[in-house]
């Protein structure tokens, strides 16, 4: 029984992390997200193969707005916006309706 306790605690921790780190699979007008170190994924494709959001650049407070492969541990970027001018921490993307 004692050897089962660490496994149960580990499972509980993983479950808690997955609830906190949940991402959206759909977006709506007015939705937004911010470049933060603790939550870079904003949107996950229906298959779960791709993710969209801010990826932090190593050892900086800068981020790339990107699409990457979500099912592999090494986040391989497929596309990114404005790579010559990465977004600072706190940058925000918001989906607005366009009247024009």
PDB file of N, CA and C in Angstrom:
ATOM      1  N   UNK A   1       0.818  -1.196   0.000  1.00  0.00           N
ATOM      2  CA  UNK A   1       0.000   0.000   0.000  1.00  0.00           C
ATOM      3  C   UNK A   1       0.864   1.263   0.000  1.00  0.00           C
ATOM      4  N   UNK A   2       1.968   1.226   0.758  1.00  0.00           N
ATOM      5  CA  UNK A   2       2.846   2.396   0.834  1.00  0.00           C
ATOM      6  C   UNK A   2       3.464   2.715  -0.524  1.00  0.00           C
ATOM      7  N   UNK A   3       3.744   1.697  -1.344  1.00  0.00           N
ATOM      8  CA  UNK A   3       4.338   1.954  -2.656  1.00  0.00           C
ATOM      9  C   UNK A   3       3.312   2.528  -3.631  1.00  0.00           C
ATOM     10  N   UNK A   4       2.051   2.389  -3.340  1.00  0.00           N
ATOM     11  CA  UNK A   4       0.993   2.929  -4.183  1.00  0.00           C
ATOM     12  C   UNK A   4       0.789   4.429  -3.942  1.00  0.00           C
ATOM     13  N   UNK A   5       1.129   4.908  -2.764  1.00  0.00           N
ATOM     14  CA  UNK A   5       0.924   6.308  -2.411  1.00  0.00           C
ATOM     15  C   UNK A   5       1.673   7.278  -3.338  1.00  0.00           C
ATOM     16  N   UNK A   6       2.974   7.071  -3.624  1.00  0.00           N
ATOM     17  CA  UNK A   6       3.653   8.000  -4.538  1.00  0.00           C
ATOM     18  C   UNK A   6       3.005   8.036  -5.926  1.00  0.00           C
ATOM     19  N   UNK A   7       2.567   6.891  -6.417  1.00  0.00           N
ATOM     20  CA  UNK A   7       1.904   6.839  -7.718  1.00  0.00           C
ATOM     21  C   UNK A   7       0.608   7.647  -7.705  1.00  0.00           C
ATOM     22  N   UNK A   8      -0.176   7.505  -6.654  1.00  0.00           N
ATOM     23  CA  UNK A   8      -1.427   8.247  -6.548  1.00  0.00           C
ATOM     24  C   UNK A   8      -1.183   9.754  -6.455  1.00  0.00           C
ATOM     25  N   UNK A   9      -0.171  10.143  -5.690  1.00  0.00           N
ATOM     26  CA  UNK A   9       0.160  11.571  -5.584  1.00  0.00           C
ATOM     27  C   UNK A   9       0.612  12.131  -6.929  1.00  0.00           C
ATOM     28  N   UNK A  10       1.452  11.370  -7.641  1.00  0.00           N
ATOM     29  CA  UNK A  10       1.931  11.790  -8.957  1.00  0.00           C
ATOM     30  C   UNK A  10       0.755  11.938  -9.922  1.00  0.00           C
ATOM     31  N   UNK A  11      -0.167  10.982  -9.901  1.00  0.00           N
ATOM     32  CA  UNK A  11      -1.349  11.039 -10.770  1.00  0.00           C
ATOM     33  C   UNK A  11      -2.204  12.260 -10.461  1.00  0.00           C
ATOM     34  N   UNK A  12      -2.372  12.563  -9.195  1.00  0.00           N
ATOM     35  CA  UNK A  12      -3.156  13.724  -8.788  1.00  0.00           C
ATOM     36  C   UNK A  12      -2.508  15.022  -9.269  1.00  0.00           C
ATOM     37  N   UNK A  13      -1.192  15.114  -9.156  1.00  0.00           N
ATOM     38  CA  UNK A  13      -0.473  16.307  -9.611  1.00  0.00           C
ATOM     39  C   UNK A  13      -0.625  16.475 -11.114  1.00  0.00           C
ATOM     40  N   UNK A  14      -0.454  15.391 -11.873  1.00  0.00           N
ATOM     41  CA  UNK A  14      -0.602  15.473 -13.325  1.00  0.00           C
ATOM     42  C   UNK A  14      -2.008  15.893 -13.727  1.00  0.00           C
ATOM     43  N   UNK A  15      -2.993  15.369 -13.044  1.00  0.00           N
ATOM     44  CA  UNK A  15      -4.370  15.727 -13.347  1.00  0.00           C
ATOM     45  C   UNK A  15      -4.615  17.209 -13.058  1.00  0.00           C
ATOM     46  N   UNK A  16      -4.073  17.714 -11.980  1.00  0.00           N
ATOM     47  CA  UNK A  16      -4.228  19.131 -11.638  1.00  0.00           C
ATOM     48  C   UNK A  16      -3.580  20.014 -12.685  1.00  0.00           C
ATOM     49  N   UNK A  17      -2.397  19.622 -13.145  1.00  0.00           N
ATOM     50  CA  UNK A  17      -1.698  20.401 -14.164  1.00  0.00           C
ATOM     51  C   UNK A  17      -2.500  20.420 -15.448  1.00  0.00           C
ATOM     52  N   UNK A  18      -3.056  19.282 -15.851  1.00  0.00           N
ATOM     53  CA  UNK A  18      -3.799  19.237 -17.106  1.00  0.00           C
ATOM     54  C   UNK A  18      -5.052  20.096 -17.047  1.00  0.00           C
ATOM     55  N   UNK A  19      -5.684  20.201 -15.908  1.00  0.00           N
ATOM     56  CA  UNK A  19      -6.866  21.054 -15.778  1.00  0.00           C
ATOM     57  C   UNK A  19      -6.467  22.515 -15.903  1.00  0.00           C
ATOM     58  N   UNK A  20      -5.371  22.905 -15.280  1.00  0.00           N
ATOM     59  CA  UNK A  20      -4.905  24.287 -15.335  1.00  0.00           C
ATOM     60  C   UNK A  20      -4.440  24.648 -16.735  1.00  0.00           C
ATOM     61  N   UNK A  21      -3.818  23.704 -17.441  1.00  0.00           N
ATOM     62  CA  UNK A  21      -3.220  23.985 -18.742  1.00  0.00           C
ATOM     63  C   UNK A  21      -4.157  23.699 -19.910  1.00  0.00           C
ATOM     64  N   UNK A  22      -5.447  23.575 -19.669  1.00  0.00           N
ATOM     65  CA  UNK A  22      -6.369  23.306 -20.757  1.00  0.00           C
ATOM     66  C   UNK A  22      -6.367  24.458 -21.746  1.00  0.00           C
ATOM     67  N   UNK A  23      -6.508  24.104 -23.024  1.00  0.00           N
ATOM     68  CA  UNK A  23      -6.561  25.101 -24.078  1.00  0.00           C
ATOM     69  C   UNK A  23      -7.889  24.996 -24.801  1.00  0.00           C
ATOM     70  N   UNK A  24      -8.168  25.995 -25.594  1.00  0.00           N
ATOM     71  CA  UNK A  24      -9.405  26.027 -26.355  1.00  0.00           C
ATOM     72  C   UNK A  24      -9.250  25.250 -27.656  1.00  0.00           C
ATOM     73  N   UNK A  25     -10.367  24.789 -28.199  1.00  0.00           N
ATOM     74  CA  UNK A  25     -10.363  24.204 -29.534  1.00  0.00           C
ATOM     75  C   UNK A  25     -11.199  25.056 -30.486  1.00  0.00           C
ATOM     76  N   UNK A  26     -11.871  26.069 -29.963  1.00  0.00           N
ATOM     77  CA  UNK A  26     -12.610  27.029 -30.787  1.00  0.00           C
ATOM     78  C   UNK A  26     -12.392  28.427 -30.220  1.00  0.00           C
ATOM     79  N   UNK A  27     -12.584  29.426 -31.071  1.00  0.00           N
ATOM     80  CA  UNK A  27     -12.457  30.808 -30.621  1.00  0.00           C
ATOM     81  C   UNK A  27     -13.694  31.583 -31.046  1.00  0.00           C
ATOM     82  N   UNK A  28     -13.955  32.661 -30.362  1.00  0.00           N
ATOM     83  CA  UNK A  28     -15.114  33.499 -30.668  1.00  0.00           C
ATOM     84  C   UNK A  28     -14.692  34.958 -30.670  1.00  0.00           C
ATOM     85  N   UNK A  29     -15.502  35.793 -31.297  1.00  0.00           N
ATOM     86  CA  UNK A  29     -15.243  37.226 -31.306  1.00  0.00           C
ATOM     87  C   UNK A  29     -15.125  37.728 -29.868  1.00  0.00           C
ATOM     88  N   UNK A  30     -14.094  38.494 -29.614  1.00  0.00           N
ATOM     89  CA  UNK A  30     -13.861  39.024 -28.281  1.00  0.00           C
ATOM     90  C   UNK A  30     -12.868  38.214 -27.467  1.00  0.00           C
ATOM     91  N   UNK A  31     -12.556  36.987 -27.910  1.00  0.00           N
ATOM     92  CA  UNK A  31     -11.561  36.181 -27.200  1.00  0.00           C
ATOM     93  C   UNK A  31     -10.184  36.822 -27.335  1.00  0.00           C
ATOM     94  N   UNK A  32      -9.359  36.658 -26.325  1.00  0.00           N
ATOM     95  CA  UNK A  32      -8.008  37.206 -26.364  1.00  0.00           C
ATOM     96  C   UNK A  32      -7.073  36.329 -25.549  1.00  0.00           C
ATOM     97  N   UNK A  33      -5.782  36.521 -25.769  1.00  0.00           N
ATOM     98  CA  UNK A  33      -4.778  35.859 -24.949  1.00  0.00           C
ATOM     99  C   UNK A  33      -3.542  36.735 -24.872  1.00  0.00           C
ATOM    100  N   UNK A  34      -2.760  36.519 -23.836  1.00  0.00           N
ATOM    101  CA  UNK A  34      -1.616  37.362 -23.521  1.00  0.00           C
ATOM    102  C   UNK A  34      -0.344  36.536 -23.470  1.00  0.00           C
ATOM    103  N   UNK A  35       0.760  37.117 -23.916  1.00  0.00           N
ATOM    104  CA  UNK A  35       2.062  36.453 -23.861  1.00  0.00           C
ATOM    105  C   UNK A  35       2.513  36.370 -22.410  1.00  0.00           C
ATOM    106  N   UNK A  36       2.579  35.143 -21.888  1.00  0.00           N
ATOM    107  CA  UNK A  36       2.999  34.894 -20.515  1.00  0.00           C
ATOM    108  C   UNK A  36       3.890  33.664 -20.508  1.00  0.00           C
ATOM    109  N   UNK A  37       4.772  33.578 -19.547  1.00  0.00           N
ATOM    110  CA  UNK A  37       5.658  32.423 -19.479  1.00  0.00           C
ATOM    111  C   UNK A  37       4.937  31.169 -19.028  1.00  0.00           C
ATOM    112  N   UNK A  38       3.836  31.281 -18.310  1.00  0.00           N
ATOM    113  CA  UNK A  38       3.187  30.094 -17.762  1.00  0.00           C
ATOM    114  C   UNK A  38       2.060  29.546 -18.628  1.00  0.00           C
ATOM    115  N   UNK A  39       1.699  30.206 -19.723  1.00  0.00           N
ATOM    116  CA  UNK A  39       0.595  29.711 -20.540  1.00  0.00           C
ATOM    117  C   UNK A  39       0.739  30.229 -21.961  1.00  0.00           C
ATOM    118  N   UNK A  40       1.466  29.482 -22.795  1.00  0.00           N
ATOM    119  CA  UNK A  40       1.714  29.979 -24.138  1.00  0.00           C
ATOM    120  C   UNK A  40       0.706  29.473 -25.157  1.00  0.00           C
ATOM    121  N   UNK A  41       0.056  28.332 -24.905  1.00  0.00           N
ATOM    122  CA  UNK A  41      -0.870  27.763 -25.876  1.00  0.00           C
ATOM    123  C   UNK A  41      -2.251  28.365 -25.696  1.00  0.00           C
ATOM    124  N   UNK A  42      -2.819  28.867 -26.776  1.00  0.00           N
ATOM    125  CA  UNK A  42      -4.147  29.455 -26.723  1.00  0.00           C
ATOM    126  C   UNK A  42      -5.168  28.588 -27.434  1.00  0.00           C
ATOM    127  N   UNK A  43      -4.783  27.994 -28.561  1.00  0.00           N
ATOM    128  CA  UNK A  43      -5.720  27.246 -29.382  1.00  0.00           C
ATOM    129  C   UNK A  43      -5.073  25.940 -29.810  1.00  0.00           C
ATOM    130  N   UNK A  44      -5.813  24.851 -29.715  1.00  0.00           N
ATOM    131  CA  UNK A  44      -5.345  23.534 -30.110  1.00  0.00           C
ATOM    132  C   UNK A  44      -6.220  23.044 -31.249  1.00  0.00           C
ATOM    133  N   UNK A  45      -5.597  22.483 -32.303  1.00  0.00           N
ATOM    134  CA  UNK A  45      -6.371  21.974 -33.436  1.00  0.00           C
ATOM    135  C   UNK A  45      -7.248  20.814 -32.982  1.00  0.00           C
ATOM    136  N   UNK A  46      -8.352  20.534 -33.702  1.00  0.00           N
ATOM    137  CA  UNK A  46      -9.236  19.432 -33.305  1.00  0.00           C
ATOM    138  C   UNK A  46      -8.514  18.091 -33.179  1.00  0.00           C
ATOM    139  N   UNK A  47      -7.509  17.855 -34.014  1.00  0.00           N
ATOM    140  CA  UNK A  47      -6.751  16.598 -33.946  1.00  0.00           C
ATOM    141  C   UNK A  47      -5.735  16.609 -32.815  1.00  0.00           C
ATOM    142  N   UNK A  48      -5.424  17.801 -32.303  1.00  0.00           N
ATOM    143  CA  UNK A  48      -4.399  17.923 -31.280  1.00  0.00           C
ATOM    144  C   UNK A  48      -2.994  17.953 -31.843  1.00  0.00           C
ATOM    145  N   UNK A  49      -2.869  17.944 -33.178  1.00  0.00           N
ATOM    146  CA  UNK A  49      -1.549  17.934 -33.810  1.00  0.00           C
ATOM    147  C   UNK A  49      -0.856  19.293 -33.749  1.00  0.00           C
ATOM    148  N   UNK A  50      -1.627  20.372 -33.795  1.00  0.00           N
ATOM    149  CA  UNK A  50      -1.055  21.707 -33.856  1.00  0.00           C
ATOM    150  C   UNK A  50      -1.576  22.575 -32.718  1.00  0.00           C
ATOM    151  N   UNK A  51      -0.730  23.501 -32.284  1.00  0.00           N
ATOM    152  CA  UNK A  51      -1.101  24.470 -31.260  1.00  0.00           C
ATOM    153  C   UNK A  51      -0.787  25.862 -31.790  1.00  0.00           C
ATOM    154  N   UNK A  52      -1.508  26.847 -31.281  1.00  0.00           N
ATOM    155  CA  UNK A  52      -1.317  28.240 -31.666  1.00  0.00           C
ATOM    156  C   UNK A  52      -1.225  29.070 -30.401  1.00  0.00           C
ATOM    157  N   UNK A  53      -0.288  29.980 -30.380  1.00  0.00           N
ATOM    158  CA  UNK A  53      -0.153  30.851 -29.226  1.00  0.00           C
ATOM    159  C   UNK A  53       1.188  31.554 -29.238  1.00  0.00           C
ATOM    160  N   UNK A  54       1.569  32.079 -28.089  1.00  0.00           N
ATOM    161  CA  UNK A  54       2.860  32.738 -27.926  1.00  0.00           C
ATOM    162  C   UNK A  54       3.872  31.719 -27.411  1.00  0.00           C
ATOM    163  N   UNK A  55       4.972  31.551 -28.126  1.00  0.00           N
ATOM    164  CA  UNK A  55       6.064  30.702 -27.649  1.00  0.00           C
ATOM    165  C   UNK A  55       7.174  31.597 -27.112  1.00  0.00           C
ATOM    166  N   UNK A  56       7.622  31.345 -25.887  1.00  0.00           N
ATOM    167  CA  UNK A  56       8.701  32.174 -25.333  1.00  0.00           C
ATOM    168  C   UNK A  56      10.031  31.879 -26.017  1.00  0.00           C
ATOM    169  N   UNK A  57      10.796  32.931 -26.276  1.00  0.00           N
ATOM    170  CA  UNK A  57      12.156  32.770 -26.783  1.00  0.00           C
ATOM    171  C   UNK A  57      13.066  32.535 -25.588  1.00  0.00           C
ATOM    172  N   UNK A  58      14.046  31.671 -25.750  1.00  0.00           N
ATOM    173  CA  UNK A  58      14.915  31.285 -24.634  1.00  0.00           C
ATOM    174  C   UNK A  58      15.618  32.483 -24.014  1.00  0.00           C
ATOM    175  N   UNK A  59      15.619  32.494 -22.686  1.00  0.00           N
ATOM    176  CA  UNK A  59      16.360  33.462 -21.873  1.00  0.00           C
ATOM    177  C   UNK A  59      16.005  34.921 -22.165  1.00  0.00           C
ATOM    178  N   UNK A  60      14.763  35.159 -22.577  1.00  0.00           N
ATOM    179  CA  UNK A  60      14.297  36.534 -22.790  1.00  0.00           C
ATOM    180  C   UNK A  60      12.855  36.633 -22.303  1.00  0.00           C
ATOM    181  N   UNK A  61      12.328  37.837 -22.292  1.00  0.00           N
ATOM    182  CA  UNK A  61      10.905  38.055 -22.028  1.00  0.00           C
ATOM    183  C   UNK A  61      10.182  38.352 -23.334  1.00  0.00           C
ATOM    184  N   UNK A  62      10.684  37.752 -24.437  1.00  0.00           N
ATOM    185  CA  UNK A  62      10.094  37.950 -25.758  1.00  0.00           C
ATOM    186  C   UNK A  62       9.420  36.670 -26.231  1.00  0.00           C
ATOM    187  N   UNK A  63       8.406  36.823 -27.097  1.00  0.00           N
ATOM    188  CA  UNK A  63       7.600  35.697 -27.555  1.00  0.00           C
ATOM    189  C   UNK A  63       7.367  35.789 -29.057  1.00  0.00           C
ATOM    190  N   UNK A  64       7.196  34.621 -29.692  1.00  0.00           N
ATOM    191  CA  UNK A  64       6.772  34.559 -31.083  1.00  0.00           C
ATOM    192  C   UNK A  64       5.327  34.091 -31.132  1.00  0.00           C
ATOM    193  N   UNK A  65       4.493  34.811 -31.858  1.00  0.00           N
ATOM    194  CA  UNK A  65       3.147  34.342 -32.133  1.00  0.00           C
ATOM    195  C   UNK A  65       3.307  33.249 -33.180  1.00  0.00           C
ATOM    196  N   UNK A  66       2.966  32.006 -32.832  1.00  0.00           N
ATOM    197  CA  UNK A  66       3.367  30.862 -33.645  1.00  0.00           C
ATOM    198  C   UNK A  66       2.315  29.774 -33.726  1.00  0.00           C
ATOM    199  N   UNK A  67       2.531  28.898 -34.705  1.00  0.00           N
ATOM    200  CA  UNK A  67       1.851  27.605 -34.795  1.00  0.00           C
ATOM    201  C   UNK A  67       2.951  26.560 -34.720  1.00  0.00           C
ATOM    202  N   UNK A  68       2.763  25.522 -33.886  1.00  0.00           N
ATOM    203  CA  UNK A  68       3.779  24.490 -33.727  1.00  0.00           C
ATOM    204  C   UNK A  68       3.134  23.118 -33.591  1.00  0.00           C
ATOM    205  N   UNK A  69       3.969  22.077 -33.766  1.00  0.00           N
ATOM    206  CA  UNK A  69       3.513  20.705 -33.561  1.00  0.00           C
ATOM    207  C   UNK A  69       3.304  20.489 -32.064  1.00  0.00           C
ATOM    208  N   UNK A  70       2.105  20.092 -31.674  1.00  0.00           N
ATOM    209  CA  UNK A  70       1.764  19.984 -30.256  1.00  0.00           C
ATOM    210  C   UNK A  70       2.034  18.608 -29.666  1.00  0.00           C
ATOM    211  N   UNK A  71       2.150  17.589 -30.500  1.00  0.00           N
ATOM    212  CA  UNK A  71       2.260  16.226 -29.978  1.00  0.00           C
ATOM    213  C   UNK A  71       3.695  15.750 -29.789  1.00  0.00           C
ATOM    214  N   UNK A  72       4.658  16.608 -30.056  1.00  0.00           N
ATOM    215  CA  UNK A  72       6.051  16.225 -29.829  1.00  0.00           C
ATOM    216  C   UNK A  72       6.643  17.141 -28.765  1.00  0.00           C
ATOM    217  N   UNK A  73       7.560  16.594 -27.984  1.00  0.00           N
ATOM    218  CA  UNK A  73       8.096  17.359 -26.850  1.00  0.00           C
ATOM    219  C   UNK A  73       8.903  18.577 -27.302  1.00  0.00           C
ATOM    220  N   UNK A  74       9.665  18.446 -28.371  1.00  0.00           N
ATOM    221  CA  UNK A  74      10.420  19.577 -28.914  1.00  0.00           C
ATOM    222  C   UNK A  74       9.452  20.409 -29.747  1.00  0.00           C
ATOM    223  N   UNK A  75       9.136  21.609 -29.305  1.00  0.00           N
ATOM    224  CA  UNK A  75       8.139  22.422 -29.999  1.00  0.00           C
ATOM    225  C   UNK A  75       8.704  22.919 -31.327  1.00  0.00           C
ATOM    226  N   UNK A  76       8.370  22.209 -32.399  1.00  0.00           N
ATOM    227  CA  UNK A  76       8.835  22.560 -33.735  1.00  0.00           C
ATOM    228  C   UNK A  76       7.845  23.539 -34.355  1.00  0.00           C
ATOM    229  N   UNK A  77       8.320  24.733 -34.643  1.00  0.00           N
ATOM    230  CA  UNK A  77       7.465  25.792 -35.172  1.00  0.00           C
ATOM    231  C   UNK A  77       7.192  25.549 -36.650  1.00  0.00           C
ATOM    232  N   UNK A  78       5.914  25.653 -37.024  1.00  0.00           N
ATOM    233  CA  UNK A  78       5.478  25.518 -38.408  1.00  0.00           C
ATOM    234  C   UNK A  78       5.372  26.897 -39.060  1.00  0.00           C
ATOM    235  N   UNK A  79       4.911  27.878 -38.294  1.00  0.00           N
ATOM    236  CA  UNK A  79       4.707  29.240 -38.782  1.00  0.00           C
ATOM    237  C   UNK A  79       4.860  30.204 -37.615  1.00  0.00           C
ATOM    238  N   UNK A  80       5.360  31.412 -37.902  1.00  0.00           N
ATOM    239  CA  UNK A  80       5.391  32.461 -36.878  1.00  0.00           C
ATOM    240  C   UNK A  80       5.239  33.824 -37.542  1.00  0.00           C
ATOM    241  N   UNK A  81       4.756  34.780 -36.789  1.00  0.00           N
ATOM    242  CA  UNK A  81       4.522  36.135 -37.288  1.00  0.00           C
ATOM    243  C   UNK A  81       5.637  37.063 -36.834  1.00  0.00           C
ATOM    244  N   UNK A  82       6.083  37.917 -37.743  1.00  0.00           N
ATOM    245  CA  UNK A  82       6.978  39.024 -37.409  1.00  0.00           C
ATOM    246  C   UNK A  82       8.193  38.594 -36.589  1.00  0.00           C
ATOM    247  N   UNK A  83       8.941  37.632 -37.101  1.00  0.00           N
ATOM    248  CA  UNK A  83      10.096  37.095 -36.387  1.00  0.00           C
ATOM    249  C   UNK A  83      11.200  38.103 -36.119  1.00  0.00           C
ATOM    250  N   UNK A  84      11.256  39.174 -36.912  1.00  0.00           N
ATOM    251  CA  UNK A  84      12.277  40.199 -36.697  1.00  0.00           C
ATOM    252  C   UNK A  84      11.955  41.108 -35.516  1.00  0.00           C
ATOM    253  N   UNK A  85      10.723  41.050 -35.055  1.00  0.00           N
ATOM    254  CA  UNK A  85      10.305  41.895 -33.940  1.00  0.00           C
ATOM    255  C   UNK A  85       9.392  41.096 -33.010  1.00  0.00           C
ATOM    256  N   UNK A  86       9.969  40.212 -32.172  1.00  0.00           N
ATOM    257  CA  UNK A  86       9.151  39.387 -31.271  1.00  0.00           C
ATOM    258  C   UNK A  86       8.342  40.247 -30.298  1.00  0.00           C
ATOM    259  N   UNK A  87       7.262  39.667 -29.803  1.00  0.00           N
ATOM    260  CA  UNK A  87       6.362  40.370 -28.885  1.00  0.00           C
ATOM    261  C   UNK A  87       6.907  40.339 -27.464  1.00  0.00           C
ATOM    262  N   UNK A  88       6.866  41.463 -26.747  1.00  0.00           N
ATOM    263  CA  UNK A  88       7.289  41.465 -25.345  1.00  0.00           C
ATOM    264  C   UNK A  88       6.240  40.795 -24.453  1.00  0.00           C
ATOM    265  N   UNK A  89       6.685  40.361 -23.283  1.00  0.00           N
ATOM    266  CA  UNK A  89       5.784  39.776 -22.295  1.00  0.00           C
ATOM    267  C   UNK A  89       4.646  40.754 -22.023  1.00  0.00           C
ATOM    268  N   UNK A  90       3.428  40.227 -21.956  1.00  0.00           N
ATOM    269  CA  UNK A  90       2.260  41.060 -21.723  1.00  0.00           C
ATOM    270  C   UNK A  90       1.544  41.477 -22.996  1.00  0.00           C
ATOM    271  N   UNK A  91       2.151  41.181 -24.170  1.00  0.00           N
ATOM    272  CA  UNK A  91       1.481  41.498 -25.435  1.00  0.00           C
ATOM    273  C   UNK A  91       0.183  40.713 -25.527  1.00  0.00           C
ATOM    274  N   UNK A  92      -0.790  41.301 -26.205  1.00  0.00           N
ATOM    275  CA  UNK A  92      -2.127  40.700 -26.243  1.00  0.00           C
ATOM    276  C   UNK A  92      -2.614  40.577 -27.683  1.00  0.00           C
ATOM    277  N   UNK A  93      -3.257  39.446 -27.976  1.00  0.00           N
ATOM    278  CA  UNK A  93      -3.944  39.242 -29.250  1.00  0.00           C
ATOM    279  C   UNK A  93      -5.424  39.118 -28.931  1.00  0.00           C
ATOM    280  N   UNK A  94      -6.245  39.871 -29.657  1.00  0.00           N
ATOM    281  CA  UNK A  94      -7.689  39.831 -29.434  1.00  0.00           C
ATOM    282  C   UNK A  94      -8.399  39.700 -30.773  1.00  0.00           C
ATOM    283  N   UNK A  95      -9.385  38.820 -30.836  1.00  0.00           N
ATOM    284  CA  UNK A  95     -10.177  38.612 -32.040  1.00  0.00           C
ATOM    285  C   UNK A  95     -11.360  39.570 -32.015  1.00  0.00           C
ATOM    286  N   UNK A  96     -11.385  40.500 -32.969  1.00  0.00           N
ATOM    287  CA  UNK A  96     -12.459  41.493 -33.055  1.00  0.00           C
ATOM    288  C   UNK A  96     -13.236  41.312 -34.347  1.00  0.00           C
ATOM    289  N   UNK A  97     -14.512  41.662 -34.325  1.00  0.00           N
ATOM    290  CA  UNK A  97     -15.322  41.663 -35.541  1.00  0.00           C
ATOM    291  C   UNK A  97     -14.897  42.851 -36.398  1.00  0.00           C
ATOM    292  N   UNK A  98     -14.831  42.633 -37.696  1.00  0.00           N
ATOM    293  CA  UNK A  98     -14.464  43.699 -38.615  1.00  0.00           C
ATOM    294  C   UNK A  98     -15.726  44.153 -39.331  1.00  0.00           C
ATOM    295  N   UNK A  99     -16.076  45.418 -39.194  1.00  0.00           N
ATOM    296  CA  UNK A  99     -17.291  45.943 -39.815  1.00  0.00           C
ATOM    297  C   UNK A  99     -17.101  46.255 -41.292  1.00  0.00           C
ATOM    298  N   UNK A 100     -15.868  46.259 -41.782  1.00  0.00           N
ATOM    299  CA  UNK A 100     -15.604  46.675 -43.147  1.00  0.00           C
ATOM    300  C   UNK A 100     -15.487  45.556 -44.077  1.00  0.00           C
TER     301      UNK A 100
END
